[in-house]
All heavy atoms as atom14 arrays in JSON, in Angstrom:
{
  "sequence": "KKFLKKLPNVIAGGGKVYNDKGNILFIYRNDKWDLPKGKVEGNES",
  "atom14_mask": [
    [1, 1, 1, 1, 1, 1, 1, 1, 1, 0, 0, 0, 0, 0],
    [1, 1, 1, 1, 1, 1, 1, 1, 1, 0, 0, 0, 0, 0],
    [1, 1, 1, 1, 1, 1, 1, 1, 1, 1, 1, 0, 0, 0],
    [1, 1, 1, 1, 1, 1, 1, 1, 0, 0, 0, 0, 0, 0],
    [1, 1, 1, 1, 1, 1, 1, 1, 1, 0, 0, 0, 0, 0],
    [1, 1, 1, 1, 1, 1, 1, 1, 1, 0, 0, 0, 0, 0],
    [1, 1, 1, 1, 1, 1, 1, 1, 0, 0, 0, 0, 0, 0],
    [1, 1, 1, 1, 1, 1, 1, 0, 0, 0, 0, 0, 0, 0],
    [1, 1, 1, 1, 1, 1, 1, 1, 0, 0, 0, 0, 0, 0],
    [1, 1, 1, 1, 1, 1, 1, 0, 0, 0, 0, 0, 0, 0],
    [1, 1, 1, 1, 1, 1, 1, 1, 0, 0, 0, 0, 0, 0],
    [1, 1, 1, 1, 1, 0, 0, 0, 0, 0, 0, 0, 0, 0],
    [1, 1, 1, 1, 0, 0, 0, 0, 0, 0, 0, 0, 0, 0],
    [1, 1, 1, 1, 0, 0, 0, 0, 0, 0, 0, 0, 0, 0],
    [1, 1, 1, 1, 0, 0, 0, 0, 0, 0, 0, 0, 0, 0],
    [1, 1, 1, 1, 1, 1, 1, 1, 1, 0, 0, 0, 0, 0],
    [1, 1, 1, 1, 1, 1, 1, 0, 0, 0, 0, 0, 0, 0],
    [1, 1, 1, 1, 1, 1, 1, 1, 1, 1, 1, 1, 0, 0],
    [1, 1, 1, 1, 1, 1, 1, 1, 0, 0, 0, 0, 0, 0],
    [1, 1, 1, 1, 1, 1, 1, 1, 0, 0, 0, 0, 0, 0],
    [1, 1, 1, 1, 1, 1, 1, 1, 1, 0, 0, 0, 0, 0],
    [1, 1, 1, 1, 0, 0, 0, 0, 0, 0, 0, 0, 0, 0],
    [1, 1, 1, 1, 1, 1, 1, 1, 0, 0, 0, 0, 0, 0],
    [1, 1, 1, 1, 1, 1, 1, 1, 0, 0, 0, 0, 0, 0],
    [1, 1, 1, 1, 1, 1, 1, 1, 0, 0, 0, 0, 0, 0],
    [1, 1, 1, 1, 1, 1, 1, 1, 1, 1, 1, 0, 0, 0],
    [1, 1, 1, 1, 1, 1, 1, 1, 0, 0, 0, 0, 0, 0],
    [1, 1, 1, 1, 1, 1, 1, 1, 1, 1, 1, 1, 0, 0],
    [1, 1, 1, 1, 1, 1, 1, 1, 1, 1, 1, 0, 0, 0],
    [1, 1, 1, 1, 1, 1, 1, 1, 0, 0, 0, 0, 0, 0],
    [1, 1, 1, 1, 1, 1, 1, 1, 0, 0, 0, 0, 0, 0],
    [1, 1, 1, 1, 1, 1, 1, 1, 1, 0, 0, 0, 0, 0],
    [1, 1, 1, 1, 1, 1, 1, 1, 1, 1, 1, 1, 1, 1],
    [1, 1, 1, 1, 1, 1, 1, 1, 0, 0, 0, 0, 0, 0],
    [1, 1, 1, 1, 1, 1, 1, 1, 0, 0, 0, 0, 0, 0],
    [1, 1, 1, 1, 1, 1, 1, 0, 0, 0, 0, 0, 0, 0],
    [1, 1, 1, 1, 1, 1, 1, 1, 1, 0, 0, 0, 0, 0],
    [1, 1, 1, 1, 0, 0, 0, 0, 0, 0, 0, 0, 0, 0],
    [1, 1, 1, 1, 1, 1, 1, 1, 1, 0, 0, 0, 0, 0],
    [1, 1, 1, 1, 1, 1, 1, 0, 0, 0, 0, 0, 0, 0],
    [1, 1, 1, 1, 1, 1, 1, 1, 1, 0, 0, 0, 0, 0],
    [1, 1, 1, 1, 0, 0, 0, 0, 0, 0, 0, 0, 0, 0],
    [1, 1, 1, 1, 1, 1, 1, 1, 0, 0, 0, 0, 0, 0],
    [1, 1, 1, 1, 1, 1, 1, 1, 1, 0, 0, 0, 0, 0],
    [1, 1, 1, 1, 1, 1, 0, 0, 0, 0, 0, 0, 0, 0]
  ],
  "atom14_positions": [
    [[-22.24, -7.49, 22.42], [-20.97, -7.68, 23.12], [-20.31, -9.0, 22.73], [-19.11, -9.05, 22.42], [-21.2, -7.65, 24.63], [-19.93, -7.77, 25.46], [-20.24, -7.65, 26.95], [-18.98, -7.75, 27.78], [-19.29, -7.66, 29.24], [0.0, 0.0, 0.0], [0.0, 0.0, 0.0], [0.0, 0.0, 0.0], [0.0, 0.0, 0.0], [0.0, 0.0, 0.0]],
    [[-21.09, -10.07, 22.7], [-20.53, -11.37, 22.35], [-20.14, -11.44, 20.88], [-19.15, -12.07, 20.52], [-21.52, -12.48, 22.71], [-21.62, -12.73, 24.21], [-22.44, -13.94, 24.53], [-22.39, -14.27, 26.01], [-21.03, -14.66, 26.48], [0.0, 0.0, 0.0], [0.0, 0.0, 0.0], [0.0, 0.0, 0.0], [0.0, 0.0, 0.0], [0.0, 0.0, 0.0]],
    [[-20.92, -10.78, 20.03], [-20.57, -10.76, 18.61], [-19.24, -10.05, 18.38], [-18.37, -10.53, 17.66], [-21.67, -10.09, 17.8], [-21.32, -9.95, 16.34], [-21.42, -11.04, 15.5], [-20.87, -8.75, 15.84], [-21.08, -10.92, 14.15], [-20.53, -8.63, 14.5], [-20.63, -9.71, 13.66], [0.0, 0.0, 0.0], [0.0, 0.0, 0.0], [0.0, 0.0, 0.0]],
    [[-19.07, -8.88, 19.01], [-17.85, -8.09, 18.82], [-16.6, -8.81, 19.32], [-15.49, -8.55, 18.85], [-17.99, -6.74, 19.5], [-19.02, -5.78, 18.9], [-19.09, -4.49, 19.71], [-18.7, -5.47, 17.45], [0.0, 0.0, 0.0], [0.0, 0.0, 0.0], [0.0, 0.0, 0.0], [0.0, 0.0, 0.0], [0.0, 0.0, 0.0], [0.0, 0.0, 0.0]],
    [[-16.77, -9.73, 20.26], [-15.63, -10.48, 20.78], [-15.18, -11.58, 19.82], [-14.12, -12.17, 20.02], [-15.97, -11.08, 22.14], [-16.0, -10.05, 23.26], [-16.24, -10.72, 24.61], [-16.18, -9.7, 25.73], [-16.42, -10.35, 27.06], [0.0, 0.0, 0.0], [0.0, 0.0, 0.0], [0.0, 0.0, 0.0], [0.0, 0.0, 0.0], [0.0, 0.0, 0.0]],
    [[-15.96, -11.84, 18.8], [-15.63, -12.9, 17.86], [-14.43, -12.55, 16.98], [-13.74, -13.44, 16.47], [-16.83, -13.22, 16.97], [-18.01, -13.86, 17.69], [-17.7, -15.29, 18.07], [-18.89, -15.96, 18.72], [-18.62, -17.37, 19.1], [0.0, 0.0, 0.0], [0.0, 0.0, 0.0], [0.0, 0.0, 0.0], [0.0, 0.0, 0.0], [0.0, 0.0, 0.0]],
    [[-14.22, -11.23, 16.77], [-13.16, -10.77, 15.87], [-12.51, -9.52, 16.45], [-13.14, -8.79, 17.23], [-13.73, -10.44, 14.49], [-14.4, -11.56, 13.7], [-15.1, -10.99, 12.47], [-13.4, -12.63, 13.31], [0.0, 0.0, 0.0], [0.0, 0.0, 0.0], [0.0, 0.0, 0.0], [0.0, 0.0, 0.0], [0.0, 0.0, 0.0], [0.0, 0.0, 0.0]],
    [[-11.25, -9.22, 16.07], [-10.62, -7.96, 16.5], [-11.41, -6.76, 15.97], [-12.0, -6.82, 14.89], [-9.23, -8.03, 15.86], [-9.01, -9.47, 15.57], [-10.33, -10.05, 15.26], [0.0, 0.0, 0.0], [0.0, 0.0, 0.0], [0.0, 0.0, 0.0], [0.0, 0.0, 0.0], [0.0, 0.0, 0.0], [0.0, 0.0, 0.0], [0.0, 0.0, 0.0]],
    [[-11.4, -5.67, 16.74], [-12.14, -4.47, 16.37], [-11.2, -3.35, 15.95], [-10.11, -3.19, 16.51], [-12.98, -3.97, 17.54], [-14.08, -4.93, 17.97], [-14.76, -4.68, 18.94], [-14.24, -6.04, 17.28], [0.0, 0.0, 0.0], [0.0, 0.0, 0.0], [0.0, 0.0, 0.0], [0.0, 0.0, 0.0], [0.0, 0.0, 0.0], [0.0, 0.0, 0.0]],
    [[-11.62, -2.55, 14.97], [-10.94, -1.33, 14.54], [-11.95, -0.19, 14.65], [-13.07, -0.3, 14.14], [-10.42, -1.45, 13.09], [-9.82, -0.13, 12.63], [-9.41, -2.58, 12.97], [0.0, 0.0, 0.0], [0.0, 0.0, 0.0], [0.0, 0.0, 0.0], [0.0, 0.0, 0.0], [0.0, 0.0, 0.0], [0.0, 0.0, 0.0], [0.0, 0.0, 0.0]],
    [[-11.57, 0.91, 15.32], [-12.51, 2.01, 15.57], [-12.33, 3.11, 14.52], [-11.22, 3.52, 14.21], [-12.29, 2.62, 16.97], [-12.32, 1.51, 18.03], [-13.35, 3.67, 17.27], [-13.6, 0.73, 18.08], [0.0, 0.0, 0.0], [0.0, 0.0, 0.0], [0.0, 0.0, 0.0], [0.0, 0.0, 0.0], [0.0, 0.0, 0.0], [0.0, 0.0, 0.0]],
    [[-13.46, 3.59, 13.99], [-13.44, 4.63, 12.96], [-14.58, 5.62, 13.19], [-15.51, 5.36, 13.95], [-13.56, 4.0, 11.58], [0.0, 0.0, 0.0], [0.0, 0.0, 0.0], [0.0, 0.0, 0.0], [0.0, 0.0, 0.0], [0.0, 0.0, 0.0], [0.0, 0.0, 0.0], [0.0, 0.0, 0.0], [0.0, 0.0, 0.0], [0.0, 0.0, 0.0]],
    [[-14.48, 6.77, 12.5], [-15.53, 7.79, 12.56], [-15.82, 8.3, 11.17], [-14.93, 8.35, 10.31], [0.0, 0.0, 0.0], [0.0, 0.0, 0.0], [0.0, 0.0, 0.0], [0.0, 0.0, 0.0], [0.0, 0.0, 0.0], [0.0, 0.0, 0.0], [0.0, 0.0, 0.0], [0.0, 0.0, 0.0], [0.0, 0.0, 0.0], [0.0, 0.0, 0.0]],
    [[-17.07, 8.68, 10.92], [-17.44, 9.17, 9.6], [-18.57, 10.16, 9.65], [-19.17, 10.39, 10.7], [0.0, 0.0, 0.0], [0.0, 0.0, 0.0], [0.0, 0.0, 0.0], [0.0, 0.0, 0.0], [0.0, 0.0, 0.0], [0.0, 0.0, 0.0], [0.0, 0.0, 0.0], [0.0, 0.0, 0.0], [0.0, 0.0, 0.0], [0.0, 0.0, 0.0]],
    [[-18.88, 10.77, 8.49], [-19.88, 11.83, 8.45], [-20.86, 11.73, 7.31], [-20.49, 11.38, 6.18], [0.0, 0.0, 0.0], [0.0, 0.0, 0.0], [0.0, 0.0, 0.0], [0.0, 0.0, 0.0], [0.0, 0.0, 0.0], [0.0, 0.0, 0.0], [0.0, 0.0, 0.0], [0.0, 0.0, 0.0], [0.0, 0.0, 0.0], [0.0, 0.0, 0.0]],
    [[-22.1, 12.05, 7.63], [-23.14, 12.3, 6.63], [-23.3, 13.81, 6.6], [-23.9, 14.4, 7.49], [-24.45, 11.62, 7.03], [-25.62, 11.86, 6.1], [-26.89, 11.24, 6.69], [-28.1, 11.53, 5.84], [-29.35, 11.02, 6.48], [0.0, 0.0, 0.0], [0.0, 0.0, 0.0], [0.0, 0.0, 0.0], [0.0, 0.0, 0.0], [0.0, 0.0, 0.0]],
    [[-22.72, 14.44, 5.58], [-22.54, 15.89, 5.57], [-23.54, 16.57, 4.62], [-23.68, 16.18, 3.46], [-21.11, 16.26, 5.13], [-20.9, 17.77, 5.21], [-20.08, 15.52, 5.99], [0.0, 0.0, 0.0], [0.0, 0.0, 0.0], [0.0, 0.0, 0.0], [0.0, 0.0, 0.0], [0.0, 0.0, 0.0], [0.0, 0.0, 0.0], [0.0, 0.0, 0.0]],
    [[-24.2, 17.62, 5.13], [-25.13, 18.43, 4.33], [-24.51, 19.8, 4.07], [-23.86, 20.38, 4.95], [-26.43, 18.64, 5.08], [-27.31, 17.42, 5.19], [-27.18, 16.53, 6.26], [-28.3, 17.16, 4.25], [-28.0, 15.42, 6.37], [-29.13, 16.05, 4.34], [-28.98, 15.19, 5.41], [-29.8, 14.08, 5.52], [0.0, 0.0, 0.0], [0.0, 0.0, 0.0]],
    [[-24.74, 20.32, 2.86], [-24.36, 21.71, 2.59], [-25.58, 22.62, 2.7], [-26.67, 22.18, 3.1], [-23.69, 21.83, 1.22], [-24.62, 21.49, 0.06], [-25.84, 21.33, 0.22], [-24.05, 21.38, -1.14], [0.0, 0.0, 0.0], [0.0, 0.0, 0.0], [0.0, 0.0, 0.0], [0.0, 0.0, 0.0], [0.0, 0.0, 0.0], [0.0, 0.0, 0.0]],
    [[-25.42, 23.9, 2.37], [-26.5, 24.87, 2.51], [-27.7, 24.56, 1.63], [-28.82, 25.03, 1.89], [-25.98, 26.28, 2.18], [-25.03, 26.81, 3.24], [-25.05, 26.28, 4.37], [-24.25, 27.73, 2.93], [0.0, 0.0, 0.0], [0.0, 0.0, 0.0], [0.0, 0.0, 0.0], [0.0, 0.0, 0.0], [0.0, 0.0, 0.0], [0.0, 0.0, 0.0]],
    [[-27.48, 23.77, 0.57], [-28.57, 23.43, -0.35], [-29.29, 22.14, 0.05], [-30.24, 21.73, -0.61], [-28.02, 23.28, -1.77], [-27.42, 24.56, -2.34], [-26.88, 24.31, -3.74], [-26.26, 25.59, -4.32], [-25.71, 25.36, -5.69], [0.0, 0.0, 0.0], [0.0, 0.0, 0.0], [0.0, 0.0, 0.0], [0.0, 0.0, 0.0], [0.0, 0.0, 0.0]],
    [[-28.81, 21.51, 1.13], [-29.41, 20.26, 1.56], [-28.9, 19.05, 0.83], [-29.46, 17.95, 0.95], [0.0, 0.0, 0.0], [0.0, 0.0, 0.0], [0.0, 0.0, 0.0], [0.0, 0.0, 0.0], [0.0, 0.0, 0.0], [0.0, 0.0, 0.0], [0.0, 0.0, 0.0], [0.0, 0.0, 0.0], [0.0, 0.0, 0.0], [0.0, 0.0, 0.0]],
    [[-27.82, 19.23, 0.06], [-27.21, 18.1, -0.65], [-26.3, 17.33, 0.3], [-25.78, 17.88, 1.28], [-26.42, 18.59, -1.85], [-27.29, 19.28, -2.88], [-28.47, 18.98, -3.01], [-26.71, 20.21, -3.62], [0.0, 0.0, 0.0], [0.0, 0.0, 0.0], [0.0, 0.0, 0.0], [0.0, 0.0, 0.0], [0.0, 0.0, 0.0], [0.0, 0.0, 0.0]],
    [[-26.08, 16.05, 0.0], [-25.26, 15.18, 0.85], [-23.93, 14.89, 0.15], [-23.88, 14.65, -1.06], [-25.99, 13.86, 1.16], [-27.31, 14.14, 1.88], [-25.1, 12.96, 2.03], [-28.14, 12.89, 2.15], [0.0, 0.0, 0.0], [0.0, 0.0, 0.0], [0.0, 0.0, 0.0], [0.0, 0.0, 0.0], [0.0, 0.0, 0.0], [0.0, 0.0, 0.0]],
    [[-22.86, 14.88, 0.93], [-21.51, 14.66, 0.42], [-21.23, 13.16, 0.28], [-21.28, 12.42, 1.27], [-20.49, 15.29, 1.37], [-19.02, 15.26, 0.96], [-18.79, 16.11, -0.29], [-18.15, 15.75, 2.11], [0.0, 0.0, 0.0], [0.0, 0.0, 0.0], [0.0, 0.0, 0.0], [0.0, 0.0, 0.0], [0.0, 0.0, 0.0], [0.0, 0.0, 0.0]],
    [[-20.91, 12.72, -0.94], [-20.6, 11.32, -1.21], [-19.2, 11.2, -1.81], [-18.72, 12.11, -2.48], [-21.6, 10.72, -2.2], [-22.82, 10.13, -1.57], [-23.86, 10.95, -1.14], [-22.95, 8.75, -1.39], [-25.0, 10.4, -0.56], [-24.08, 8.2, -0.81], [-25.11, 9.03, -0.4], [0.0, 0.0, 0.0], [0.0, 0.0, 0.0], [0.0, 0.0, 0.0]],
    [[-18.59, 10.05, -1.57], [-17.33, 9.71, -2.23], [-17.55, 8.45, -3.06], [-18.47, 7.67, -2.8], [-16.19, 9.47, -1.22], [-16.51, 8.29, -0.3], [-15.89, 10.74, -0.43], [-15.35, 7.89, 0.62], [0.0, 0.0, 0.0], [0.0, 0.0, 0.0], [0.0, 0.0, 0.0], [0.0, 0.0, 0.0], [0.0, 0.0, 0.0], [0.0, 0.0, 0.0]],
    [[-16.7, 8.26, -4.07], [-16.76, 7.06, -4.92], [-15.44, 6.32, -4.77], [-14.38, 6.85, -5.09], [-17.0, 7.46, -6.38], [-17.4, 6.32, -7.27], [-18.68, 5.79, -7.22], [-16.48, 5.76, -8.17], [-19.07, 4.74, -8.06], [-16.86, 4.71, -9.0], [-18.15, 4.2, -8.94], [-18.52, 3.16, -9.75], [0.0, 0.0, 0.0], [0.0, 0.0, 0.0]],
    [[-15.53, 5.09, -4.26], [-14.33, 4.31, -3.97], [-14.65, 2.82, -4.16], [-15.73, 2.37, -3.78], [-13.87, 4.58, -2.53], [-12.76, 3.69, -2.02], [-12.15, 4.19, -0.73], [-13.12, 4.52, 0.3], [-12.83, 5.22, 1.39], [-11.61, 5.7, 1.59], [-13.77, 5.48, 2.28], [0.0, 0.0, 0.0], [0.0, 0.0, 0.0], [0.0, 0.0, 0.0]],
    [[-13.71, 2.09, -4.73], [-13.92, 0.65, -4.96], [-15.19, 0.38, -5.77], [-15.92, -0.58, -5.5], [-13.95, -0.12, -3.63], [-12.64, -0.07, -2.89], [-11.57, -0.01, -3.5], [-12.69, -0.07, -1.57], [0.0, 0.0, 0.0], [0.0, 0.0, 0.0], [0.0, 0.0, 0.0], [0.0, 0.0, 0.0], [0.0, 0.0, 0.0], [0.0, 0.0, 0.0]],
    [[-15.46, 1.27, -6.73], [-16.61, 1.12, -7.62], [-17.95, 1.2, -6.88], [-18.95, 0.64, -7.34], [-16.54, -0.19, -8.41], [-15.32, -0.24, -9.33], [-15.0, 0.81, -9.93], [-14.69, -1.3, -9.43], [0.0, 0.0, 0.0], [0.0, 0.0, 0.0], [0.0, 0.0, 0.0], [0.0, 0.0, 0.0], [0.0, 0.0, 0.0], [0.0, 0.0, 0.0]],
    [[-17.96, 1.87, -5.72], [-19.19, 2.04, -4.94], [-19.28, 3.48, -4.43], [-18.26, 4.13, -4.13], [-19.19, 1.11, -3.73], [-19.24, -0.37, -4.05], [-20.65, -0.83, -4.36], [-20.72, -2.34, -4.45], [-22.09, -2.83, -4.73], [0.0, 0.0, 0.0], [0.0, 0.0, 0.0], [0.0, 0.0, 0.0], [0.0, 0.0, 0.0], [0.0, 0.0, 0.0]],
    [[-20.5, 3.98, -4.31], [-20.73, 5.26, -3.64], [-20.76, 5.02, -2.14], [-21.35, 4.06, -1.66], [-22.04, 5.9, -4.09], [-21.97, 6.46, -5.48], [-22.49, 5.92, -6.61], [-21.31, 7.68, -5.87], [-22.2, 6.71, -7.7], [-21.49, 7.8, -7.27], [-20.61, 8.67, -5.19], [-20.98, 8.88, -8.0], [-20.11, 9.74, -5.9], [-20.28, 9.84, -7.29]],
    [[-20.09, 5.9, -1.4], [-19.89, 5.71, 0.03], [-19.91, 7.06, 0.73], [-19.91, 8.11, 0.07], [-18.54, 5.02, 0.25], [-18.41, 4.31, 1.58], [-19.31, 4.46, 2.44], [-17.4, 3.61, 1.78], [0.0, 0.0, 0.0], [0.0, 0.0, 0.0], [0.0, 0.0, 0.0], [0.0, 0.0, 0.0], [0.0, 0.0, 0.0], [0.0, 0.0, 0.0]],
    [[-19.91, 7.05, 2.05], [-19.74, 8.26, 2.84], [-18.33, 8.27, 3.42], [-17.76, 7.21, 3.71], [-20.76, 8.31, 3.98], [-22.24, 8.38, 3.59], [-23.12, 8.43, 4.85], [-22.53, 9.57, 2.71], [0.0, 0.0, 0.0], [0.0, 0.0, 0.0], [0.0, 0.0, 0.0], [0.0, 0.0, 0.0], [0.0, 0.0, 0.0], [0.0, 0.0, 0.0]],
    [[-17.72, 9.45, 3.58], [-16.34, 9.52, 4.08], [-16.22, 9.06, 5.52], [-17.04, 9.39, 6.37], [-15.99, 11.01, 3.94], [-17.31, 11.72, 3.91], [-18.27, 10.79, 3.26], [0.0, 0.0, 0.0], [0.0, 0.0, 0.0], [0.0, 0.0, 0.0], [0.0, 0.0, 0.0], [0.0, 0.0, 0.0], [0.0, 0.0, 0.0], [0.0, 0.0, 0.0]],
    [[-15.16, 8.29, 5.78], [-14.91, 7.76, 7.12], [-13.47, 7.31, 7.22], [-12.79, 7.15, 6.2], [-15.82, 6.57, 7.41], [-15.59, 5.38, 6.51], [-16.57, 4.27, 6.81], [-16.34, 3.05, 5.91], [-16.54, 3.36, 4.48], [0.0, 0.0, 0.0], [0.0, 0.0, 0.0], [0.0, 0.0, 0.0], [0.0, 0.0, 0.0], [0.0, 0.0, 0.0]],
    [[-12.97, 7.09, 8.45], [-11.62, 6.6, 8.62], [-11.3, 6.28, 10.07], [-12.09, 6.57, 10.98], [0.0, 0.0, 0.0], [0.0, 0.0, 0.0], [0.0, 0.0, 0.0], [0.0, 0.0, 0.0], [0.0, 0.0, 0.0], [0.0, 0.0, 0.0], [0.0, 0.0, 0.0], [0.0, 0.0, 0.0], [0.0, 0.0, 0.0], [0.0, 0.0, 0.0]],
    [[-10.13, 5.7, 10.29], [-9.74, 5.2, 11.6], [-9.3, 6.3, 12.56], [-8.76, 7.33, 12.16], [-8.61, 4.19, 11.46], [-9.0, 2.91, 10.74], [-7.88, 1.89, 10.77], [-6.66, 2.36, 10.0], [-5.59, 1.35, 9.96], [0.0, 0.0, 0.0], [0.0, 0.0, 0.0], [0.0, 0.0, 0.0], [0.0, 0.0, 0.0], [0.0, 0.0, 0.0]],
    [[-9.5, 6.04, 13.83], [-9.0, 6.91, 14.91], [-7.49, 6.92, 14.89], [-6.84, 5.89, 14.66], [-9.5, 6.4, 16.28], [-8.79, 7.13, 17.42], [-11.0, 6.59, 16.4], [0.0, 0.0, 0.0], [0.0, 0.0, 0.0], [0.0, 0.0, 0.0], [0.0, 0.0, 0.0], [0.0, 0.0, 0.0], [0.0, 0.0, 0.0], [0.0, 0.0, 0.0]],
    [[-6.91, 8.09, 15.13], [-5.45, 8.22, 15.25], [-5.1, 8.67, 16.66], [-5.61, 9.67, 17.16], [-4.93, 9.24, 14.24], [-5.07, 8.79, 12.79], [-4.45, 9.77, 11.82], [-3.98, 10.84, 12.27], [-4.45, 9.49, 10.6], [0.0, 0.0, 0.0], [0.0, 0.0, 0.0], [0.0, 0.0, 0.0], [0.0, 0.0, 0.0], [0.0, 0.0, 0.0]],
    [[-4.23, 7.92, 17.31], [-3.78, 8.28, 18.65], [-4.91, 8.34, 19.64], [-5.78, 7.46, 19.69], [0.0, 0.0, 0.0], [0.0, 0.0, 0.0], [0.0, 0.0, 0.0], [0.0, 0.0, 0.0], [0.0, 0.0, 0.0], [0.0, 0.0, 0.0], [0.0, 0.0, 0.0], [0.0, 0.0, 0.0], [0.0, 0.0, 0.0], [0.0, 0.0, 0.0]],
    [[-4.93, 9.42, 20.44], [-5.94, 9.58, 21.49], [-7.03, 10.56, 21.12], [-7.74, 11.08, 22.0], [-5.26, 10.04, 22.79], [-4.3, 8.99, 23.35], [-4.6, 7.8, 23.31], [-3.17, 9.45, 23.85], [0.0, 0.0, 0.0], [0.0, 0.0, 0.0], [0.0, 0.0, 0.0], [0.0, 0.0, 0.0], [0.0, 0.0, 0.0], [0.0, 0.0, 0.0]],
    [[-7.2, 10.85, 19.83], [-8.22, 11.82, 19.44], [-9.63, 11.3, 19.74], [-9.87, 10.08, 19.74], [-8.1, 12.19, 17.97], [-8.42, 11.07, 17.0], [-8.2, 11.48, 15.53], [-7.92, 12.65, 15.26], [-8.3, 10.59, 14.67], [0.0, 0.0, 0.0], [0.0, 0.0, 0.0], [0.0, 0.0, 0.0], [0.0, 0.0, 0.0], [0.0, 0.0, 0.0]],
    [[-10.55, 12.22, 19.97], [-11.93, 11.83, 20.21], [-12.54, 11.31, 18.91], [-12.06, 11.61, 17.82], [-12.74, 13.03, 20.71], [-12.89, 14.0, 19.68], [0.0, 0.0, 0.0], [0.0, 0.0, 0.0], [0.0, 0.0, 0.0], [0.0, 0.0, 0.0], [0.0, 0.0, 0.0], [0.0, 0.0, 0.0], [0.0, 0.0, 0.0], [0.0, 0.0, 0.0]]
  ]
}
């Protein structure tokens, strides 16, 4: 709680996605492999 108060917060959601073969979905961005994620829009869950 005290750490989070040190800086403004931005809320996001992301996924570790498996397909039928058990493979994981990755994206490549900023020269790094990553998992897809992004910021909350409006009042969505």
